[in-house]
Amino acid sequence: DFELLNCDHSSLITKKSGKNISDLRPDIVHQELMSLLDSPLNKAGKLQIYVSTTKGVLIEVSSELRIPRTFKRFSGLMVQLLHKLKIKGTSTNVTLLKVIKNPISRHLPAGARIYGFSVVGTKYNPRLLAAKLPEDVPVVFYFGAMASGHITIEEHPEIEEMISVSEFSLSGALAINRVLGAVENEWGVV
């Protein structure tokens, strides 16, 4: 049997492999995907979600995916995806998860404004950020999914501006909820 390496259940394996245990946090990705997929913006068809792993695997996530609520089931789904490279719905023929070719930039909309989120970015009230977003071009948000540290423009040169939505360090799921809630209010998605 295969399983995702994570900091709670794989400490002996990670110690032997020399990997930093805090870098192995698929549980954070699980929380963030639940926030994204459960959002009214997603249900209104306004989100396209991609996940990029530390190993460089790029995953396209369908807005129709109903993410498993338990981490154990989520982990099993991700292992299945990494083996089969595609997950289809059981009652429909819709592809729910798919491993796609890098780089991410080839999948982003042309002319999009790209924002990264980090505690060290320019601070914005989420409502003011949502009000300043351009209406005439697509918008792309990059959120990190790590226990410590943050995404950077050096790692993702396509990011135009780094933004913070709090003076405090927030979990990725909370940052996502704050940003999406503000955008939903601004765009009238309820």
Protein backbone atom coordinates (compact mmCIF):
# COMPACT_ATOMS: atom_id res chain seq x y z
CA ASP A 1 0.00 0.00 0.00
CA PHE A 2 1.07 3.55 -0.73
CA GLU A 3 0.32 6.65 1.30
CA LEU A 4 1.16 10.32 1.21
CA LEU A 5 4.07 11.29 3.39
CA ASN A 6 2.90 13.63 6.13
CA CYS A 7 4.29 14.93 9.37
CA ASP A 8 1.84 13.02 11.60
CA HIS A 9 2.22 9.46 10.42
CA SER A 10 5.53 9.14 8.64
CA SER A 11 8.13 10.46 11.09
CA LEU A 12 10.38 7.37 10.91
CA ILE A 13 10.35 7.38 7.12
CA THR A 14 11.05 11.10 6.91
CA LYS A 15 13.87 10.93 9.46
CA LYS A 16 15.55 8.15 7.46
CA SER A 17 15.08 9.97 4.15
CA GLY A 18 16.44 13.28 5.50
CA LYS A 19 13.32 15.21 4.46
CA ASN A 20 12.20 18.15 6.59
CA ILE A 21 9.10 16.86 8.35
CA SER A 22 7.42 20.29 8.32
CA ASP A 23 7.58 20.32 4.50
CA LEU A 24 5.32 17.29 4.33
CA ARG A 25 1.91 18.82 4.94
CA PRO A 26 -0.69 17.46 2.52
CA ASP A 27 -3.21 18.14 5.31
CA ILE A 28 -2.78 21.87 4.60
CA VAL A 29 -3.51 21.28 0.90
CA HIS A 30 -6.61 19.32 1.96
CA GLN A 31 -7.86 22.22 4.13
CA GLU A 32 -7.19 24.76 1.39
CA LEU A 33 -8.93 22.68 -1.28
CA MET A 34 -11.99 22.35 0.95
CA SER A 35 -12.06 26.15 1.34
CA LEU A 36 -11.73 26.70 -2.40
CA LEU A 37 -14.15 24.01 -3.58
CA ASP A 38 -16.81 24.85 -0.96
CA SER A 39 -16.76 28.56 -1.80
CA PRO A 40 -19.69 30.29 -3.53
CA LEU A 41 -17.18 31.57 -6.13
CA ASN A 42 -16.38 27.99 -7.09
CA LYS A 43 -20.02 26.94 -7.10
CA ALA A 44 -20.75 29.93 -9.39
CA GLY A 45 -18.11 28.65 -11.83
CA LYS A 46 -15.67 31.51 -11.21
CA LEU A 47 -12.62 29.46 -10.05
CA GLN A 48 -10.07 27.32 -11.82
CA ILE A 49 -7.86 25.52 -9.30
CA TYR A 50 -4.35 24.13 -9.77
CA VAL A 51 -2.06 22.47 -7.23
CA SER A 52 1.70 22.36 -7.69
CA THR A 53 3.62 19.93 -5.47
CA THR A 54 7.14 20.32 -4.10
CA LYS A 55 8.15 17.55 -6.52
CA GLY A 56 6.90 19.60 -9.47
CA VAL A 57 3.69 17.66 -10.15
CA LEU A 58 0.99 19.99 -11.49
CA ILE A 59 -2.63 19.00 -10.82
CA GLU A 60 -5.75 20.47 -12.37
CA VAL A 61 -8.76 20.35 -10.03
CA SER A 62 -12.28 20.35 -11.46
CA SER A 63 -14.79 22.68 -9.86
CA GLU A 64 -17.12 19.66 -9.74
CA LEU A 65 -14.86 17.71 -7.39
CA ARG A 66 -16.42 16.97 -4.04
CA ILE A 67 -13.31 16.78 -1.90
CA PRO A 68 -13.31 13.98 0.71
CA ARG A 69 -14.01 15.38 4.16
CA THR A 70 -11.53 13.19 6.00
CA PHE A 71 -7.80 13.46 5.48
CA LYS A 72 -7.47 9.68 5.22
CA ARG A 73 -9.83 9.57 2.25
CA PHE A 74 -8.23 12.65 0.70
CA SER A 75 -4.82 10.99 1.02
CA GLY A 76 -6.13 7.85 -0.69
CA LEU A 77 -7.55 9.95 -3.53
CA MET A 78 -4.21 11.73 -4.03
CA VAL A 79 -2.30 8.43 -4.06
CA GLN A 80 -4.75 7.10 -6.65
CA LEU A 81 -4.28 10.27 -8.73
CA LEU A 82 -0.49 10.03 -8.63
CA HIS A 83 -0.68 6.42 -9.85
CA LYS A 84 -3.37 6.82 -12.51
CA LEU A 85 -2.67 10.50 -13.41
CA LYS A 86 -6.43 11.11 -13.73
CA ILE A 87 -9.52 10.65 -11.58
CA LYS A 88 -12.98 10.55 -13.18
CA GLY A 89 -16.33 10.82 -11.45
CA THR A 90 -18.06 7.54 -10.66
CA SER A 91 -21.52 8.57 -11.90
CA THR A 92 -20.31 10.89 -14.67
CA ASN A 93 -17.47 10.80 -17.14
CA VAL A 94 -16.14 14.16 -15.89
CA THR A 95 -12.42 14.31 -15.10
CA LEU A 96 -12.23 15.57 -11.51
CA LEU A 97 -8.44 15.57 -11.01
CA LYS A 98 -5.73 15.38 -13.63
CA VAL A 99 -1.94 15.60 -13.65
CA ILE A 100 -1.04 18.11 -16.35
CA LYS A 101 2.16 19.36 -17.99
CA ASN A 102 4.24 22.15 -16.48
CA PRO A 103 4.80 25.03 -16.43
CA ILE A 104 1.71 26.48 -14.75
CA SER A 105 2.00 29.59 -16.94
CA ARG A 106 0.81 27.62 -19.98
CA HIS A 107 -2.54 27.03 -18.23
CA LEU A 108 -3.15 30.53 -16.90
CA PRO A 109 -5.40 32.93 -18.83
CA ALA A 110 -3.58 35.32 -21.16
CA GLY A 111 -3.22 38.84 -19.79
CA ALA A 112 -4.19 37.83 -16.25
CA ARG A 113 -3.13 39.90 -13.24
CA ILE A 114 -1.28 37.55 -10.89
CA TYR A 115 -1.16 38.08 -7.12
CA GLY A 116 0.71 36.04 -4.54
CA PHE A 117 -0.33 35.89 -0.89
CA SER A 118 2.15 36.01 1.96
CA VAL A 119 2.43 37.48 5.43
CA VAL A 120 5.30 39.62 4.09
CA GLY A 121 3.28 41.10 1.20
CA THR A 122 1.78 44.59 0.99
CA LYS A 123 -1.02 44.68 3.55
CA TYR A 124 -4.57 45.11 2.28
CA ASN A 125 -7.94 44.90 3.93
CA PRO A 126 -9.53 42.04 1.94
CA ARG A 127 -12.54 44.22 1.00
CA LEU A 128 -10.27 46.97 -0.35
CA LEU A 129 -8.24 44.39 -2.26
CA ALA A 130 -11.39 42.98 -3.85
CA ALA A 131 -12.52 46.48 -4.82
CA LYS A 132 -9.18 47.21 -6.53
CA LEU A 133 -9.10 44.03 -8.64
CA PRO A 134 -9.30 44.73 -12.36
CA GLU A 135 -12.65 44.01 -13.98
CA ASP A 136 -11.41 43.78 -17.56
CA VAL A 137 -8.82 40.98 -17.22
CA PRO A 138 -8.71 37.61 -15.43
CA VAL A 139 -7.21 37.48 -11.93
CA VAL A 140 -4.93 34.72 -10.61
CA PHE A 141 -4.21 34.12 -6.92
CA TYR A 142 -1.26 32.08 -5.64
CA PHE A 143 -1.60 30.69 -2.09
CA GLY A 144 1.08 28.66 -0.36
CA ALA A 145 0.36 25.40 1.45
CA MET A 146 3.24 25.09 3.88
CA ALA A 147 3.62 24.91 7.65
CA SER A 148 6.21 27.67 7.72
CA GLY A 149 7.66 30.08 5.23
CA HIS A 150 5.85 31.63 2.31
CA ILE A 151 5.77 31.76 -1.47
CA THR A 152 8.03 34.31 -3.14
CA ILE A 153 8.30 36.16 -6.42
CA GLU A 154 11.74 34.59 -6.84
CA GLU A 155 10.10 31.13 -6.88
CA HIS A 156 7.18 32.35 -9.02
CA PRO A 157 8.40 35.20 -11.23
CA GLU A 158 5.01 35.48 -12.93
CA ILE A 159 3.56 36.99 -9.70
CA GLU A 160 3.16 40.75 -10.12
CA GLU A 161 2.47 41.68 -6.50
CA MET A 162 2.75 39.98 -3.12
CA ILE A 163 -0.20 40.71 -0.83
CA SER A 164 -0.96 40.14 2.83
CA VAL A 165 -4.52 40.22 4.15
CA SER A 166 -3.58 40.41 7.82
CA GLU A 167 -0.85 41.72 10.04
CA PHE A 168 -0.82 38.23 11.55
CA SER A 169 0.39 34.95 10.11
CA LEU A 170 -2.74 33.09 8.96
CA SER A 171 -3.37 29.53 7.91
CA GLY A 172 -3.70 29.14 4.17
CA ALA A 173 -7.35 28.11 4.50
CA LEU A 174 -8.17 31.22 6.54
CA ALA A 175 -6.37 33.52 4.09
CA ILE A 176 -8.30 31.89 1.22
CA ASN A 177 -11.60 32.33 3.06
CA ARG A 178 -10.87 36.01 3.75
CA VAL A 179 -9.91 36.76 0.14
CA LEU A 180 -12.70 34.76 -1.51
CA GLY A 181 -15.32 36.17 0.89
CA ALA A 182 -14.29 39.71 0.00
CA VAL A 183 -14.31 38.94 -3.74
CA GLU A 184 -17.74 37.29 -3.42
CA ASN A 185 -19.10 40.41 -1.72
CA GLU A 186 -17.54 42.70 -4.34
CA TRP A 187 -18.84 40.63 -7.27
CA GLY A 188 -22.25 39.96 -5.74
CA VAL A 189 -21.80 36.20 -5.51
CA VAL A 190 -23.81 35.01 -2.48
